[in-house]
């Protein structure tokens, strides 16, 4: 079983950083440009009041968003020198240490925040997620319970515990936590995705419902569209699978597996070899080094009795993937036809 949420999402959960947008039309500032404007304003404020710990903390968070980690570390340390009793500053320091790949320092900073403010939900939740990353599941449970004692409606705590339960093999209780998470937060994309994957493993039709809920939250999600298409494909609902892959192919015009999978469905299941050639060609256009697409287009040509084209495609796939057994077999199979 592949768990959808691993290091990257846990890291984002801990950091709780807002994503910046790219450059927008109509003269609006890009995300980074907007941050730079805010940075200039903070610089002016700090220049007039060098003893305001809160200003240094704000600038440290801004530097994190700008991925200027050393500057962020300098600022949060200045903030703590001015006000060493502020739990929020230690939480920001923990974020910086995590980005620096220093989980032990991250833990110490969060523990300091909790010692200053035991009921700080953010610090306790970040500790639960940190222990999930380092696979200390007892402590995950401990800090999740602490968060839920402070806020029983906290969906992120339930999600965190669900992933820990999945990693320890307790799928039934994990599903319960995930279902609670989406009841509490009907826009919880990651929880919908995880539920979709778990139900897809069971071949349960509810998988499609969960993937569609994920798409309601993020309509162009590549992962949600791909998983939905794959679920339909594996459950024999080929037209629905093709529809999902078509949307995916338009949402990401560089993603090679969207046309490839449509080609595969037409080749293997629908036996529409002309369409198979069309879609494998699209996959090749997106990635000319996609050996499997060259091979399967060759196989499609072979079914259409266009043997020279099939032979050429098998040769191309073999050049891209040395000792590709299927391509070698195909070439041997067609050798008599091409020689005529």
Protein backbone atom coordinates (compact mmCIF):
# COMPACT_ATOMS: atom_id res chain seq x y z
CA UNK A 1 0.00 0.00 0.00
CA UNK A 2 1.33 3.42 -0.92
CA UNK A 3 0.58 6.04 1.69
CA UNK A 4 -0.27 9.30 -0.04
CA UNK A 5 0.97 11.57 2.74
CA UNK A 6 4.62 11.19 3.61
CA UNK A 7 7.52 13.56 4.32
CA UNK A 8 6.53 16.46 2.08
CA UNK A 9 2.99 16.93 3.38
CA UNK A 10 4.03 16.35 6.98
CA UNK A 11 6.70 18.99 6.54
CA UNK A 12 4.19 21.46 5.15
CA UNK A 13 1.83 20.67 8.01
CA UNK A 14 4.53 21.46 10.52
CA UNK A 15 5.63 24.62 8.80
CA UNK A 16 2.08 25.75 8.10
CA UNK A 17 3.35 28.06 5.38
CA UNK A 18 1.11 29.84 2.92
CA UNK A 19 1.90 29.14 -0.70
CA UNK A 20 2.84 32.15 -2.79
CA UNK A 21 1.30 32.64 -6.19
CA UNK A 22 3.15 33.16 -9.40
CA UNK A 23 2.97 36.31 -11.46
CA UNK A 24 -0.64 37.20 -12.19
CA UNK A 25 -2.12 39.12 -15.08
CA UNK A 26 -3.57 42.62 -15.08
CA UNK A 27 -0.48 44.14 -13.48
CA UNK A 28 -0.75 42.43 -10.11
CA UNK A 29 2.44 41.70 -8.22
CA UNK A 30 3.81 38.18 -8.17
CA UNK A 31 3.91 36.37 -4.87
CA UNK A 32 7.63 37.06 -4.37
CA UNK A 33 7.32 40.69 -5.43
CA UNK A 34 4.55 41.18 -2.90
CA UNK A 35 6.71 39.62 -0.19
CA UNK A 36 9.57 41.92 -1.14
CA UNK A 37 7.31 44.94 -0.73
CA UNK A 38 6.31 43.71 2.74
CA UNK A 39 9.98 43.06 3.55
CA UNK A 40 10.91 46.64 2.65
CA UNK A 41 8.15 47.92 4.92
CA UNK A 42 9.36 45.74 7.81
CA UNK A 43 12.91 46.92 7.26
CA UNK A 44 11.72 50.51 7.68
CA UNK A 45 9.80 49.67 10.84
CA UNK A 46 12.75 47.84 12.38
CA UNK A 47 15.05 50.75 11.54
CA UNK A 48 12.84 53.01 13.67
CA UNK A 49 12.26 50.49 16.48
CA UNK A 50 15.09 48.00 16.92
CA UNK A 51 13.70 46.67 20.22
CA UNK A 52 10.40 45.30 18.89
CA UNK A 53 10.69 41.49 19.10
CA UNK A 54 7.48 41.03 17.13
CA UNK A 55 8.89 42.84 14.09
CA UNK A 56 11.91 40.52 13.96
CA UNK A 57 9.62 37.51 14.25
CA UNK A 58 7.45 38.79 11.39
CA UNK A 59 10.52 39.34 9.24
CA UNK A 60 11.85 35.87 10.11
CA UNK A 61 8.59 34.33 8.84
CA UNK A 62 8.86 36.43 5.70
CA UNK A 63 12.40 35.22 5.12
CA UNK A 64 11.16 31.64 5.49
CA UNK A 65 8.61 32.27 2.72
CA UNK A 66 11.43 33.73 0.61
CA UNK A 67 13.58 30.67 1.41
CA UNK A 68 16.28 32.89 2.90
CA UNK A 69 16.85 30.64 5.88
CA UNK A 70 20.01 32.14 7.34
CA UNK A 71 18.39 35.58 7.49
CA UNK A 72 15.33 34.02 9.09
CA UNK A 73 17.50 32.35 11.74
CA UNK A 74 19.29 35.61 12.52
CA UNK A 75 16.01 37.47 12.93
CA UNK A 76 14.29 34.91 15.14
CA UNK A 77 17.36 34.80 17.38
CA UNK A 78 17.21 38.60 17.70
CA UNK A 79 13.52 38.30 18.56
CA UNK A 80 14.29 35.76 21.28
CA UNK A 81 17.11 37.88 22.68
CA UNK A 82 14.62 40.71 23.16
CA UNK A 83 11.76 38.52 24.42
CA UNK A 84 12.90 35.01 25.46
CA UNK A 85 9.51 34.06 26.89
CA UNK A 86 7.44 34.14 23.70
CA UNK A 87 6.28 30.64 22.71
CA UNK A 88 5.40 31.69 19.16
CA UNK A 89 9.01 32.67 18.49
CA UNK A 90 10.23 29.21 19.46
CA UNK A 91 7.66 27.72 17.07
CA UNK A 92 9.07 29.85 14.26
CA UNK A 93 12.58 28.78 15.30
CA UNK A 94 11.45 25.14 15.05
CA UNK A 95 10.26 25.74 11.49
CA UNK A 96 13.66 27.12 10.57
CA UNK A 97 15.51 24.19 12.13
CA UNK A 98 13.28 21.75 10.28
CA UNK A 99 14.05 23.44 6.97
CA UNK A 100 17.74 23.24 7.87
CA UNK A 101 17.42 19.48 8.38
CA UNK A 102 17.95 19.66 12.14
CA UNK A 103 15.03 17.69 13.67
CA UNK A 104 16.62 17.52 17.13
CA UNK A 105 16.89 21.31 17.35
CA UNK A 106 13.38 21.52 15.95
CA UNK A 107 12.12 19.26 18.73
CA UNK A 108 13.94 21.23 21.43
CA UNK A 109 12.44 24.48 20.16
CA UNK A 110 8.92 23.04 20.16
CA UNK A 111 9.39 21.58 23.62
CA UNK A 112 10.51 25.01 24.82
CA UNK A 113 7.36 26.53 23.30
CA UNK A 114 5.20 23.95 25.09
CA UNK A 115 6.99 24.57 28.38
CA UNK A 116 6.18 28.27 28.05
CA UNK A 117 2.62 27.66 26.85
CA UNK A 118 1.40 24.10 27.58
CA UNK A 119 -1.97 24.73 25.92
CA UNK A 120 -0.48 25.98 22.67
CA UNK A 121 -2.27 23.85 20.07
CA UNK A 122 0.11 24.80 17.26
CA UNK A 123 3.21 23.69 19.18
CA UNK A 124 1.64 20.42 20.29
CA UNK A 125 0.42 19.65 16.78
CA UNK A 126 3.80 20.40 15.27
CA UNK A 127 5.38 18.04 17.78
CA UNK A 128 2.94 15.30 16.77
CA UNK A 129 3.87 15.80 13.10
CA UNK A 130 7.57 15.93 13.86
CA UNK A 131 7.35 12.62 15.73
CA UNK A 132 5.44 11.19 12.76
CA UNK A 133 8.35 12.10 10.50
CA UNK A 134 10.86 10.42 12.81
CA UNK A 135 8.45 7.49 13.34
CA UNK A 136 8.05 7.81 17.10
CA UNK A 137 4.44 6.67 17.05
CA UNK A 138 3.89 6.65 20.81
CA UNK A 139 4.74 10.32 20.98
CA UNK A 140 2.55 11.01 17.95
CA UNK A 141 -0.37 9.54 19.88
CA UNK A 142 0.60 11.45 23.03
CA UNK A 143 0.64 14.85 21.34
CA UNK A 144 -2.43 14.17 19.21
CA UNK A 145 -4.34 13.37 22.38
CA UNK A 146 -3.05 16.58 23.93
CA UNK A 147 -4.26 18.59 20.93
CA UNK A 148 -7.66 16.91 20.99
CA UNK A 149 -8.00 17.58 24.72
CA UNK A 150 -7.59 21.26 23.87
CA UNK A 151 -9.64 21.19 20.66
CA UNK A 152 -11.73 18.10 19.99
CA UNK A 153 -12.66 19.42 16.52
CA UNK A 154 -9.06 19.55 15.28
CA UNK A 155 -9.09 17.70 11.96
CA UNK A 156 -5.32 17.92 11.42
CA UNK A 157 -4.64 16.05 14.65
CA UNK A 158 -6.90 13.22 13.52
CA UNK A 159 -5.25 13.15 10.12
CA UNK A 160 -1.78 12.99 11.71
CA UNK A 161 -2.82 10.10 13.91
CA UNK A 162 -4.39 8.33 10.92
CA UNK A 163 -1.08 8.35 9.04
CA UNK A 164 0.72 7.01 12.10
CA UNK A 165 -1.88 4.24 12.38
CA UNK A 166 -1.47 3.37 8.70
CA UNK A 167 2.28 3.17 9.09
CA UNK A 168 1.85 0.76 11.99
CA UNK A 169 -0.70 -1.37 10.10
CA UNK A 170 -3.87 -0.33 11.92
CA UNK A 171 -5.94 0.48 8.85
CA UNK A 172 -9.37 0.21 10.48
CA UNK A 173 -8.70 2.87 13.11
CA UNK A 174 -6.88 5.00 10.54
CA UNK A 175 -9.97 5.04 8.32
CA UNK A 176 -12.03 6.11 11.32
CA UNK A 177 -9.73 9.06 12.00
CA UNK A 178 -9.69 10.05 8.32
CA UNK A 179 -13.48 9.97 8.14
CA UNK A 180 -13.65 12.13 11.25
CA UNK A 181 -11.17 14.53 9.66
CA UNK A 182 -13.30 15.09 6.54
CA UNK A 183 -16.45 15.44 8.62
CA UNK A 184 -14.77 18.21 10.59
CA UNK A 185 -13.15 19.79 7.53
CA UNK A 186 -14.98 19.21 4.27
CA UNK A 187 -12.11 20.80 2.33
CA UNK A 188 -9.43 18.43 3.63
CA UNK A 189 -7.82 17.43 0.33
CA UNK A 190 -5.13 15.15 1.79
CA UNK A 191 -7.63 13.21 3.89
CA UNK A 192 -9.93 12.67 0.89
CA UNK A 193 -6.96 11.45 -1.14
CA UNK A 194 -5.84 9.02 1.54
CA UNK A 195 -9.37 7.64 1.92
CA UNK A 196 -9.61 7.30 -1.85
CA UNK A 197 -6.42 5.25 -1.97
CA UNK A 198 -7.47 3.03 0.90
CA UNK A 199 -10.86 2.28 -0.64
CA UNK A 200 -9.29 1.81 -4.08
CA UNK A 201 -7.11 -0.97 -2.60
CA UNK A 202 -10.34 -2.67 -1.52
CA UNK A 203 -11.84 -2.01 -4.99
CA UNK A 204 -14.65 -0.25 -3.16
CA UNK A 205 -16.75 2.19 -5.29
CA UNK A 206 -16.46 4.73 -2.46
CA UNK A 207 -12.92 5.36 -3.71
CA UNK A 208 -14.30 7.36 -6.64
CA UNK A 209 -16.44 9.45 -4.31
CA UNK A 210 -13.43 10.37 -2.19
CA UNK A 211 -11.26 11.21 -5.21
CA UNK A 212 -14.09 13.35 -6.58
CA UNK A 213 -14.33 15.14 -3.24
CA UNK A 214 -10.60 15.81 -3.47
CA UNK A 215 -11.22 17.26 -6.94
CA UNK A 216 -13.99 19.43 -5.56
CA UNK A 217 -11.37 20.99 -3.32
CA UNK A 218 -8.63 21.13 -5.99
CA UNK A 219 -10.26 20.74 -9.41
CA UNK A 220 -7.03 20.41 -11.39
CA UNK A 221 -5.09 18.20 -9.00
CA UNK A 222 -2.86 15.94 -11.07
CA UNK A 223 -2.69 13.29 -8.35
CA UNK A 224 -6.43 13.23 -7.76
CA UNK A 225 -7.24 13.00 -11.48
CA UNK A 226 -4.65 10.30 -12.03
CA UNK A 227 -5.81 8.22 -9.08
CA UNK A 228 -9.44 8.59 -10.11
CA UNK A 229 -8.60 7.50 -13.64
CA UNK A 230 -6.55 4.56 -12.39
CA UNK A 231 -9.36 3.45 -10.07
CA UNK A 232 -11.85 3.50 -12.96
CA UNK A 233 -9.35 1.72 -15.21
CA UNK A 234 -8.67 -1.04 -12.71
CA UNK A 235 -12.39 -1.51 -12.04
CA UNK A 236 -13.21 -1.84 -15.74
CA UNK A 237 -14.95 1.54 -16.13
CA UNK A 238 -12.90 2.47 -19.17
CA UNK A 239 -14.90 5.42 -20.50
CA UNK A 240 -14.83 7.09 -17.09
CA UNK A 241 -11.11 6.39 -16.85
CA UNK A 242 -10.51 7.97 -20.26
CA UNK A 243 -12.58 11.01 -19.25
CA UNK A 244 -10.46 11.52 -16.12
CA UNK A 245 -7.21 11.14 -18.07
CA UNK A 246 -8.45 13.58 -20.72
CA UNK A 247 -9.06 16.23 -18.06
CA UNK A 248 -5.66 15.47 -16.57
CA UNK A 249 -3.99 15.79 -19.97
CA UNK A 250 -5.48 19.26 -20.40
CA UNK A 251 -4.66 20.31 -16.83
CA UNK A 252 -1.00 19.36 -17.30
CA UNK A 253 0.05 19.37 -20.93
CA UNK A 254 3.47 17.92 -20.05
CA UNK A 255 2.23 14.88 -18.13
CA UNK A 256 3.04 11.91 -20.35
CA UNK A 257 1.06 9.25 -18.49
CA UNK A 258 -2.34 10.81 -19.22
CA UNK A 259 -2.26 10.04 -22.98
CA UNK A 260 -0.23 6.88 -22.34
CA UNK A 261 -2.91 5.41 -20.12
CA UNK A 262 -5.62 6.25 -22.65
CA UNK A 263 -3.51 4.54 -25.28
CA UNK A 264 -3.10 1.51 -23.05
CA UNK A 265 -6.85 1.25 -22.44
CA UNK A 266 -7.53 1.39 -26.18
CA UNK A 267 -4.81 -1.15 -26.92
CA UNK A 268 -5.47 -3.72 -24.21
CA UNK A 269 -9.12 -3.39 -23.26
CA UNK A 270 -11.04 -1.68 -26.08
CA UNK A 271 -8.81 -2.99 -28.88
CA UNK A 272 -9.18 0.25 -30.80
CA UNK A 273 -5.68 0.15 -32.23
CA UNK A 274 -5.99 3.32 -34.30
CA UNK A 275 -6.84 5.34 -31.20
CA UNK A 276 -4.11 3.56 -29.32
CA UNK A 277 -1.59 4.77 -31.91
CA UNK A 278 -2.98 8.30 -31.59
CA UNK A 279 -2.57 8.46 -27.82
CA UNK A 280 0.79 6.73 -27.63
CA UNK A 281 1.96 9.28 -30.21
CA UNK A 282 0.77 12.05 -27.88
CA UNK A 283 2.68 10.49 -25.00
CA UNK A 284 5.81 10.32 -27.18
CA UNK A 285 5.37 13.98 -28.12
CA UNK A 286 5.39 14.82 -24.42
CA UNK A 287 8.40 12.62 -23.72
CA UNK A 288 10.37 11.37 -26.74
CA UNK A 289 12.42 9.12 -24.43
CA UNK A 290 9.38 7.21 -23.16
CA UNK A 291 10.45 3.70 -24.20
CA UNK A 292 7.20 2.03 -23.14
CA UNK A 293 5.18 4.39 -25.34
CA UNK A 294 7.34 3.59 -28.35
CA UNK A 295 6.91 -0.13 -27.66
CA UNK A 296 3.15 0.03 -27.20
CA UNK A 297 2.70 2.18 -30.28
CA UNK A 298 4.70 -0.46 -32.13
CA UNK A 299 2.40 -3.14 -30.73
CA UNK A 300 -0.61 -1.13 -31.87
CA UNK A 301 0.86 -0.79 -35.36
CA UNK A 302 1.50 -4.52 -35.39
CA UNK A 303 -2.18 -5.18 -34.64
CA UNK A 304 -3.03 -2.90 -37.56
CA UNK A 305 -0.64 -4.96 -39.74
CA UNK A 306 1.57 -1.92 -40.34
CA UNK A 307 4.64 -4.02 -39.75
CA UNK A 308 7.38 -1.64 -40.85
CA UNK A 309 6.09 1.09 -38.51
CA UNK A 310 5.82 -1.45 -35.71
CA UNK A 311 9.37 -2.67 -36.38
CA UNK A 312 10.73 0.88 -36.34
CA UNK A 313 9.01 1.65 -33.05
CA UNK A 314 10.33 -1.54 -31.44
CA UNK A 315 13.83 -0.57 -32.54
CA UNK A 316 13.41 2.91 -31.08
CA UNK A 317 12.18 1.55 -27.74
CA UNK A 318 15.15 -0.84 -27.62
CA UNK A 319 17.58 2.04 -28.18
CA UNK A 320 15.99 3.91 -25.29
CA UNK A 321 15.83 0.90 -22.97
CA UNK A 322 18.74 -1.47 -23.36
CA UNK A 323 17.83 -5.17 -23.37
CA UNK A 324 14.11 -4.34 -23.36
CA UNK A 325 12.80 -7.90 -23.57
CA UNK A 326 9.38 -7.04 -24.99
CA UNK A 327 10.95 -4.97 -27.77
CA UNK A 328 13.42 -7.74 -28.62
CA UNK A 329 10.58 -10.27 -28.79
CA UNK A 330 8.58 -7.90 -31.00
CA UNK A 331 11.49 -7.40 -33.38
CA UNK A 332 12.05 -11.15 -33.64
CA UNK A 333 8.35 -11.67 -34.24
CA UNK A 334 8.28 -9.13 -37.08
CA UNK A 335 11.56 -10.01 -38.66
CA UNK A 336 10.00 -12.26 -41.29
CA UNK A 337 7.43 -9.62 -42.26
CA UNK A 338 9.90 -6.76 -42.61
CA UNK A 339 12.33 -8.84 -44.68
CA UNK A 340 9.74 -9.58 -47.36
